[in-house]
C-alpha atoms as a PDB file:
ATOM      1  CA  UNK A   1     162.549  88.109  67.889  1.00  0.00           C
ATOM      2  CA  UNK A   2     159.171  89.741  67.557  1.00  0.00           C
ATOM      3  CA  UNK A   3     156.926  86.784  66.687  1.00  0.00           C
ATOM      4  CA  UNK A   4     153.247  86.998  65.860  1.00  0.00           C
ATOM      5  CA  UNK A   5     150.749  84.688  64.207  1.00  0.00           C
ATOM      6  CA  UNK A   6     148.014  85.390  61.654  1.00  0.00           C
ATOM      7  CA  UNK A   7     145.344  83.153  60.221  1.00  0.00           C
ATOM      8  CA  UNK A   8     145.811  82.636  56.479  1.00  0.00           C
ATOM      9  CA  UNK A   9     143.038  82.852  53.883  1.00  0.00           C
ATOM     10  CA  UNK A  10     142.976  80.818  50.645  1.00  0.00           C
ATOM     11  CA  UNK A  11     144.176  83.748  48.508  1.00  0.00           C
ATOM     12  CA  UNK A  12     147.302  84.172  50.639  1.00  0.00           C
ATOM     13  CA  UNK A  13     148.368  80.530  50.906  1.00  0.00           C
ATOM     14  CA  UNK A  14     151.193  80.467  48.338  1.00  0.00           C
ATOM     15  CA  UNK A  15     153.856  82.035  50.590  1.00  0.00           C
ATOM     16  CA  UNK A  16     152.972  79.633  53.395  1.00  0.00           C
ATOM     17  CA  UNK A  17     153.041  76.705  50.962  1.00  0.00           C
ATOM     18  CA  UNK A  18     156.535  77.781  49.912  1.00  0.00           C
ATOM     19  CA  UNK A  19     157.728  77.182  53.480  1.00  0.00           C
ATOM     20  CA  UNK A  20     156.563  73.545  53.209  1.00  0.00           C
ATOM     21  CA  UNK A  21     158.377  73.180  49.884  1.00  0.00           C
ATOM     22  CA  UNK A  22     161.596  74.582  51.356  1.00  0.00           C
ATOM     23  CA  UNK A  23     161.323  72.426  54.484  1.00  0.00           C
ATOM     24  CA  UNK A  24     160.600  69.322  52.410  1.00  0.00           C
ATOM     25  CA  UNK A  25     163.663  69.980  50.268  1.00  0.00           C
ATOM     26  CA  UNK A  26     165.774  70.571  53.375  1.00  0.00           C
ATOM     27  CA  UNK A  27     164.578  67.340  55.008  1.00  0.00           C
ATOM     28  CA  UNK A  28     165.521  65.481  51.837  1.00  0.00           C
ATOM     29  CA  UNK A  29     168.879  67.197  51.348  1.00  0.00           C
ATOM     30  CA  UNK A  30     170.145  67.248  54.945  1.00  0.00           C
ATOM     31  CA  UNK A  31     168.548  64.176  56.535  1.00  0.00           C
ATOM     32  CA  UNK A  32     167.639  62.014  53.544  1.00  0.00           C
ATOM     33  CA  UNK A  33     163.973  62.087  54.620  1.00  0.00           C
ATOM     34  CA  UNK A  34     161.432  62.095  51.801  1.00  0.00           C
ATOM     35  CA  UNK A  35     158.105  62.112  53.616  1.00  0.00           C
ATOM     36  CA  UNK A  36     157.472  65.739  52.573  1.00  0.00           C
ATOM     37  CA  UNK A  37     158.300  65.038  48.924  1.00  0.00           C
ATOM     38  CA  UNK A  38     156.332  66.322  47.196  1.00  0.00           C
ATOM     39  CA  UNK A  39     154.932  68.798  49.710  1.00  0.00           C
ATOM     40  CA  UNK A  40     151.306  69.002  50.714  1.00  0.00           C
ATOM     41  CA  UNK A  41     149.468  70.148  47.554  1.00  0.00           C
ATOM     42  CA  UNK A  42     148.659  73.838  47.303  1.00  0.00           C
ATOM     43  CA  UNK A  43     144.994  73.094  46.534  1.00  0.00           C
ATOM     44  CA  UNK A  44     144.690  71.044  49.728  1.00  0.00           C
ATOM     45  CA  UNK A  45     146.164  73.893  51.758  1.00  0.00           C
ATOM     46  CA  UNK A  46     143.648  76.269  50.175  1.00  0.00           C
ATOM     47  CA  UNK A  47     140.880  73.862  51.210  1.00  0.00           C
ATOM     48  CA  UNK A  48     142.343  73.721  54.724  1.00  0.00           C
ATOM     49  CA  UNK A  49     141.897  77.485  55.068  1.00  0.00           C
ATOM     50  CA  UNK A  50     138.152  76.774  54.936  1.00  0.00           C
ATOM     51  CA  UNK A  51     137.891  73.398  56.713  1.00  0.00           C
ATOM     52  CA  UNK A  52     140.660  73.954  59.265  1.00  0.00           C
ATOM     53  CA  UNK A  53     142.905  76.837  60.292  1.00  0.00           C
ATOM     54  CA  UNK A  54     146.200  77.586  58.575  1.00  0.00           C
ATOM     55  CA  UNK A  55     148.495  80.052  60.298  1.00  0.00           C
ATOM     56  CA  UNK A  56     151.460  82.123  59.176  1.00  0.00           C
ATOM     57  CA  UNK A  57     154.093  83.058  61.750  1.00  0.00           C
ATOM     58  CA  UNK A  58     155.969  86.309  61.276  1.00  0.00           C
ATOM     59  CA  UNK A  59     159.084  87.754  62.851  1.00  0.00           C
ATOM     60  CA  UNK A  60     158.363  91.432  62.336  1.00  0.00           C
ATOM     61  CA  UNK A  61     157.294  91.569  58.684  1.00  0.00           C
ATOM     62  CA  UNK A  62     159.135  88.377  57.634  1.00  0.00           C
ATOM     63  CA  UNK A  63     157.237  85.117  57.195  1.00  0.00           C
ATOM     64  CA  UNK A  64     159.191  82.490  59.143  1.00  0.00           C
ATOM     65  CA  UNK A  65     156.892  79.528  59.861  1.00  0.00           C
ATOM     66  CA  UNK A  66     153.474  77.952  59.436  1.00  0.00           C
ATOM     67  CA  UNK A  67     151.193  75.423  61.070  1.00  0.00           C
ATOM     68  CA  UNK A  68     147.699  74.037  60.635  1.00  0.00           C
ATOM     69  CA  UNK A  69     145.201  73.088  63.339  1.00  0.00           C
ATOM     70  CA  UNK A  70     141.714  71.647  63.417  1.00  0.00           C
ATOM     71  CA  UNK A  71     139.288  69.816  65.648  1.00  0.00           C
ATOM     72  CA  UNK A  72     139.088  66.592  63.623  1.00  0.00           C
ATOM     73  CA  UNK A  73     141.574  63.789  63.065  1.00  0.00           C
ATOM     74  CA  UNK A  74     143.001  63.379  59.560  1.00  0.00           C
ATOM     75  CA  UNK A  75     141.283  61.012  57.153  1.00  0.00           C
ATOM     76  CA  UNK A  76     144.135  58.486  57.434  1.00  0.00           C
ATOM     77  CA  UNK A  77     143.249  57.842  61.078  1.00  0.00           C
ATOM     78  CA  UNK A  78     141.286  54.627  60.607  1.00  0.00           C
ATOM     79  CA  UNK A  79     139.598  52.285  63.061  1.00  0.00           C
ATOM     80  CA  UNK A  80     142.911  51.102  64.536  1.00  0.00           C
ATOM     81  CA  UNK A  81     144.215  54.628  65.157  1.00  0.00           C
ATOM     82  CA  UNK A  82     144.391  56.073  68.659  1.00  0.00           C
ATOM     83  CA  UNK A  83     141.286  58.192  69.127  1.00  0.00           C
ATOM     84  CA  UNK A  84     141.538  60.917  71.790  1.00  0.00           C
ATOM     85  CA  UNK A  85     139.104  60.444  74.640  1.00  0.00           C
ATOM     86  CA  UNK A  86     138.905  64.183  75.401  1.00  0.00           C
ATOM     87  CA  UNK A  87     138.353  67.300  73.289  1.00  0.00           C
ATOM     88  CA  UNK A  88     141.410  68.158  71.223  1.00  0.00           C
ATOM     89  CA  UNK A  89     143.146  70.310  68.663  1.00  0.00           C
ATOM     90  CA  UNK A  90     144.948  68.360  65.934  1.00  0.00           C
ATOM     91  CA  UNK A  91     148.204  69.953  64.788  1.00  0.00           C
ATOM     92  CA  UNK A  92     150.060  69.232  61.589  1.00  0.00           C
ATOM     93  CA  UNK A  93     152.405  70.793  59.065  1.00  0.00           C
ATOM     94  CA  UNK A  94     154.352  72.822  61.604  1.00  0.00           C
ATOM     95  CA  UNK A  95     157.265  74.109  59.547  1.00  0.00           C
ATOM     96  CA  UNK A  96     159.963  76.683  60.256  1.00  0.00           C
ATOM     97  CA  UNK A  97     162.185  77.997  57.468  1.00  0.00           C
ATOM     98  CA  UNK A  98     165.307  75.793  57.446  1.00  0.00           C
ATOM     99  CA  UNK A  99     167.766  78.647  57.999  1.00  0.00           C
ATOM    100  CA  UNK A 100     165.812  79.724  61.113  1.00  0.00           C
ATOM    101  CA  UNK A 101     165.393  76.336  62.775  1.00  0.00           C
ATOM    102  CA  UNK A 102     166.789  75.773  66.280  1.00  0.00           C
ATOM    103  CA  UNK A 103     166.225  79.430  67.224  1.00  0.00           C
ATOM    104  CA  UNK A 104     163.103  78.805  69.319  1.00  0.00           C
ATOM    105  CA  UNK A 105     160.479  79.605  66.679  1.00  0.00           C
ATOM    106  CA  UNK A 106     159.068  76.072  66.713  1.00  0.00           C
ATOM    107  CA  UNK A 107     158.869  76.129  70.513  1.00  0.00           C
ATOM    108  CA  UNK A 108     157.108  79.499  70.382  1.00  0.00           C
ATOM    109  CA  UNK A 109     154.626  77.999  67.898  1.00  0.00           C
ATOM    110  CA  UNK A 110     154.016  75.001  70.161  1.00  0.00           C
ATOM    111  CA  UNK A 111     153.396  77.259  73.170  1.00  0.00           C
ATOM    112  CA  UNK A 112     150.990  79.356  71.073  1.00  0.00           C
ATOM    113  CA  UNK A 113     149.134  76.246  69.846  1.00  0.00           C
ATOM    114  CA  UNK A 114     148.877  74.801  73.361  1.00  0.00           C
ATOM    115  CA  UNK A 115     147.575  78.107  74.733  1.00  0.00           C
ATOM    116  CA  UNK A 116     145.109  78.353  71.851  1.00  0.00           C
ATOM    117  CA  UNK A 117     143.801  74.875  72.689  1.00  0.00           C
ATOM    118  CA  UNK A 118     143.449  75.783  76.396  1.00  0.00           C
ATOM    119  CA  UNK A 119     141.660  79.041  75.575  1.00  0.00           C
ATOM    120  CA  UNK A 120     139.192  77.160  73.375  1.00  0.00           C
ATOM    121  CA  UNK A 121     138.514  74.699  76.193  1.00  0.00           C
ATOM    122  CA  UNK A 122     140.250  71.697  74.634  1.00  0.00           C
ATOM    123  CA  UNK A 123     141.992  69.207  76.890  1.00  0.00           C
ATOM    124  CA  UNK A 124     144.598  67.921  74.423  1.00  0.00           C
ATOM    125  CA  UNK A 125     146.876  68.814  71.561  1.00  0.00           C
ATOM    126  CA  UNK A 126     147.171  65.810  69.250  1.00  0.00           C
ATOM    127  CA  UNK A 127     149.727  65.376  66.453  1.00  0.00           C
ATOM    128  CA  UNK A 128     151.700  62.799  64.567  1.00  0.00           C
ATOM    129  CA  UNK A 129     155.272  62.779  63.335  1.00  0.00           C
ATOM    130  CA  UNK A 130     157.224  60.700  60.850  1.00  0.00           C
ATOM    131  CA  UNK A 131     158.763  57.723  62.654  1.00  0.00           C
ATOM    132  CA  UNK A 132     162.058  58.157  60.791  1.00  0.00           C
ATOM    133  CA  UNK A 133     162.676  61.673  62.124  1.00  0.00           C
ATOM    134  CA  UNK A 134     164.250  60.847  65.488  1.00  0.00           C
ATOM    135  CA  UNK A 135     165.181  64.453  66.345  1.00  0.00           C
ATOM    136  CA  UNK A 136     161.559  65.549  65.908  1.00  0.00           C
ATOM    137  CA  UNK A 137     160.199  62.615  67.922  1.00  0.00           C
ATOM    138  CA  UNK A 138     162.603  63.450  70.748  1.00  0.00           C
ATOM    139  CA  UNK A 139     161.587  67.115  70.558  1.00  0.00           C
ATOM    140  CA  UNK A 140     157.898  66.295  71.070  1.00  0.00           C
ATOM    141  CA  UNK A 141     158.700  63.919  73.936  1.00  0.00           C
ATOM    142  CA  UNK A 142     160.812  66.614  75.615  1.00  0.00           C
ATOM    143  CA  UNK A 143     157.836  69.006  75.312  1.00  0.00           C
ATOM    144  CA  UNK A 144     155.710  66.557  77.301  1.00  0.00           C
ATOM    145  CA  UNK A 145     153.941  64.789  74.439  1.00  0.00           C
ATOM    146  CA  UNK A 146     153.198  61.158  75.086  1.00  0.00           C
ATOM    147  CA  UNK A 147     153.196  58.508  72.396  1.00  0.00           C
ATOM    148  CA  UNK A 148     149.737  56.959  72.092  1.00  0.00           C
ATOM    149  CA  UNK A 149     150.187  54.808  68.993  1.00  0.00           C
ATOM    150  CA  UNK A 150     151.545  54.485  65.494  1.00  0.00           C
ATOM    151  CA  UNK A 151     150.040  54.043  62.059  1.00  0.00           C
ATOM    152  CA  UNK A 152     150.900  53.927  58.392  1.00  0.00           C
ATOM    153  CA  UNK A 153     150.251  57.197  56.582  1.00  0.00           C
ATOM    154  CA  UNK A 154     150.478  56.786  52.802  1.00  0.00           C
ATOM    155  CA  UNK A 155     153.210  54.210  53.277  1.00  0.00           C
ATOM    156  CA  UNK A 156     155.094  56.178  55.944  1.00  0.00           C
ATOM    157  CA  UNK A 157     154.903  55.133  59.564  1.00  0.00           C
ATOM    158  CA  UNK A 158     153.921  57.954  61.864  1.00  0.00           C
ATOM    159  CA  UNK A 159     153.988  58.115  65.643  1.00  0.00           C
ATOM    160  CA  UNK A 160     150.850  59.540  67.254  1.00  0.00           C
ATOM    161  CA  UNK A 161     151.285  61.882  70.214  1.00  0.00           C
ATOM    162  CA  UNK A 162     149.073  63.797  72.583  1.00  0.00           C
ATOM    163  CA  UNK A 163     149.644  66.267  75.394  1.00  0.00           C
ATOM    164  CA  UNK A 164     147.191  67.310  78.063  1.00  0.00           C
ATOM    165  CA  UNK A 165     147.034  71.107  78.094  1.00  0.00           C
ATOM    166  CA  UNK A 166     144.421  71.607  80.818  1.00  0.00           C
ATOM    167  CA  UNK A 167     144.566  70.699  84.465  1.00  0.00           C
ATOM    168  CA  UNK A 168     142.098  68.278  86.055  1.00  0.00           C
ATOM    169  CA  UNK A 169     140.677  70.800  88.501  1.00  0.00           C
END
């Protein structure tokens, strides 16, 4: 694989949004999970290109994945949510085309995100994942993410994770 990442602008968001649609349909059809149904609205993703950073991941010239990062917690993190005590990058909507999952693209994305956070001087990568998606929860734990809490997100329970990406030198 020849993976590379590019920041997406609002005018180019539709192809990236299509990955979320396909992944949401796959989660529903293969695992019976409906937390990405319907997918994140296109207009919200366009807004995220301004307020956050949306990335497209390519293998050569083929779009294969996407993710979004920012330096603020989502609006659904209320007073009872775990608030990071150090500077962080918040990751969400990491999605790899269903037919290309389990080939290492997601792990490459995570390494890229963690390095990006380190380069920017952040101590943590913070994310949450649907509590009903055991394989994904196990994946984050295996990558060294530690569970720091749980909360209800629009009626779905999510597990909150963080990983320290800088050393305490």
